[in-house]
Amino acid sequence: MDGRMKNRKADKLEEMPFLYYRTKGEIEDYRKKPIKLKLQWLEAQMEFFHKAMPPKSKKIREKLRRGEI
């Protein structure tokens, strides 16, 4: 033990899965949006995730994309 107090609340948060909920109305509203808008949103999300991704994960992702692993 390093003398620091263990933060049990933080440990519990790390164990909990990330859950994402939408109402049926929100899903219907999304379905009505134009395909081009949905694809633009998806592209923006992918760019964000790529920028936030650690370098090691980027290397693994590229190898998967090229079929090397």
C-alpha atoms as a PDB file:
ATOM      1  CA  MET A   1       0.000   0.000   0.000  1.00  0.00           C
ATOM      2  CA  ASP A   2       1.349   3.453  -0.882  1.00  0.00           C
ATOM      3  CA  GLY A   3      -0.368   5.311   1.988  1.00  0.00           C
ATOM      4  CA  ARG A   4      -3.047   6.935  -0.164  1.00  0.00           C
ATOM      5  CA  MET A   5      -6.709   6.397   0.613  1.00  0.00           C
ATOM      6  CA  LYS A   6      -8.571   4.346  -1.927  1.00  0.00           C
ATOM      7  CA  ASN A   7     -11.441   6.151  -3.623  1.00  0.00           C
ATOM      8  CA  ARG A   8     -14.165   3.501  -3.617  1.00  0.00           C
ATOM      9  CA  LYS A   9     -16.624   5.744  -5.476  1.00  0.00           C
ATOM     10  CA  ALA A  10     -14.186   6.196  -8.380  1.00  0.00           C
ATOM     11  CA  ASP A  11     -13.564   2.447  -8.478  1.00  0.00           C
ATOM     12  CA  LYS A  12     -17.308   1.813  -8.787  1.00  0.00           C
ATOM     13  CA  LEU A  13     -17.610   4.344 -11.628  1.00  0.00           C
ATOM     14  CA  GLU A  14     -14.830   2.620 -13.570  1.00  0.00           C
ATOM     15  CA  GLU A  15     -16.657  -0.708 -13.232  1.00  0.00           C
ATOM     16  CA  MET A  16     -19.998   0.645 -14.456  1.00  0.00           C
ATOM     17  CA  PRO A  17     -20.682   0.381 -18.197  1.00  0.00           C
ATOM     18  CA  PHE A  18     -21.526   3.496 -20.160  1.00  0.00           C
ATOM     19  CA  LEU A  19     -25.239   3.404 -20.933  1.00  0.00           C
ATOM     20  CA  TYR A  20     -26.908   5.608 -23.523  1.00  0.00           C
ATOM     21  CA  TYR A  21     -30.676   5.929 -23.717  1.00  0.00           C
ATOM     22  CA  ARG A  22     -33.013   7.554 -26.241  1.00  0.00           C
ATOM     23  CA  THR A  23     -36.779   7.789 -26.168  1.00  0.00           C
ATOM     24  CA  LYS A  24     -38.892   6.363 -28.984  1.00  0.00           C
ATOM     25  CA  GLY A  25     -39.721   9.934 -30.014  1.00  0.00           C
ATOM     26  CA  GLU A  26     -36.043  10.871 -30.261  1.00  0.00           C
ATOM     27  CA  ILE A  27     -35.371   7.769 -32.340  1.00  0.00           C
ATOM     28  CA  GLU A  28     -38.254   8.611 -34.685  1.00  0.00           C
ATOM     29  CA  ASP A  29     -37.000  12.204 -35.029  1.00  0.00           C
ATOM     30  CA  TYR A  30     -33.536  10.886 -35.920  1.00  0.00           C
ATOM     31  CA  ARG A  31     -34.976   8.487 -38.507  1.00  0.00           C
ATOM     32  CA  LYS A  32     -36.634  11.438 -40.254  1.00  0.00           C
ATOM     33  CA  LYS A  33     -33.362  13.343 -40.694  1.00  0.00           C
ATOM     34  CA  PRO A  34     -31.765  13.310 -44.158  1.00  0.00           C
ATOM     35  CA  ILE A  35     -29.125  10.636 -44.793  1.00  0.00           C
ATOM     36  CA  LYS A  36     -26.533  13.281 -45.700  1.00  0.00           C
ATOM     37  CA  LEU A  37     -26.937  14.923 -42.267  1.00  0.00           C
ATOM     38  CA  LYS A  38     -26.578  11.565 -40.493  1.00  0.00           C
ATOM     39  CA  LEU A  39     -23.413  10.770 -42.449  1.00  0.00           C
ATOM     40  CA  GLN A  40     -21.932  14.202 -41.677  1.00  0.00           C
ATOM     41  CA  TRP A  41     -22.613  13.619 -37.967  1.00  0.00           C
ATOM     42  CA  LEU A  42     -20.999  10.171 -38.159  1.00  0.00           C
ATOM     43  CA  GLU A  43     -17.937  11.573 -39.904  1.00  0.00           C
ATOM     44  CA  ALA A  44     -17.549  14.277 -37.234  1.00  0.00           C
ATOM     45  CA  GLN A  45     -17.790  11.632 -34.489  1.00  0.00           C
ATOM     46  CA  MET A  46     -15.146   9.469 -36.173  1.00  0.00           C
ATOM     47  CA  GLU A  47     -12.786  12.445 -36.501  1.00  0.00           C
ATOM     48  CA  PHE A  48     -13.264  13.295 -32.828  1.00  0.00           C
ATOM     49  CA  PHE A  49     -12.631   9.726 -31.676  1.00  0.00           C
ATOM     50  CA  HIS A  50      -9.546   9.452 -33.864  1.00  0.00           C
ATOM     51  CA  LYS A  51      -8.100  12.669 -32.416  1.00  0.00           C
ATOM     52  CA  ALA A  52      -8.810  11.461 -28.865  1.00  0.00           C
ATOM     53  CA  MET A  53      -7.427   7.962 -29.482  1.00  0.00           C
ATOM     54  CA  PRO A  54      -4.066   7.083 -27.885  1.00  0.00           C
ATOM     55  CA  PRO A  55      -1.192   6.509 -30.378  1.00  0.00           C
ATOM     56  CA  LYS A  56      -1.003   2.776 -29.568  1.00  0.00           C
ATOM     57  CA  SER A  57      -4.706   2.364 -30.366  1.00  0.00           C
ATOM     58  CA  LYS A  58      -4.246   4.247 -33.650  1.00  0.00           C
ATOM     59  CA  LYS A  59      -1.476   1.829 -34.675  1.00  0.00           C
ATOM     60  CA  ILE A  60      -3.659  -1.182 -33.862  1.00  0.00           C
ATOM     61  CA  ARG A  61      -6.610   0.356 -35.727  1.00  0.00           C
ATOM     62  CA  GLU A  62      -4.484   0.944 -38.823  1.00  0.00           C
ATOM     63  CA  LYS A  63      -3.174  -2.641 -38.763  1.00  0.00           C
ATOM     64  CA  LEU A  64      -6.754  -3.920 -38.526  1.00  0.00           C
ATOM     65  CA  ARG A  65      -7.790  -1.671 -41.405  1.00  0.00           C
ATOM     66  CA  ARG A  66      -4.956  -2.969 -43.591  1.00  0.00           C
ATOM     67  CA  GLY A  67      -5.779  -6.572 -42.655  1.00  0.00           C
ATOM     68  CA  GLU A  68      -2.433  -7.155 -40.967  1.00  0.00           C
ATOM     69  CA  ILE A  69      -4.033  -8.494 -37.787  1.00  0.00           C
END
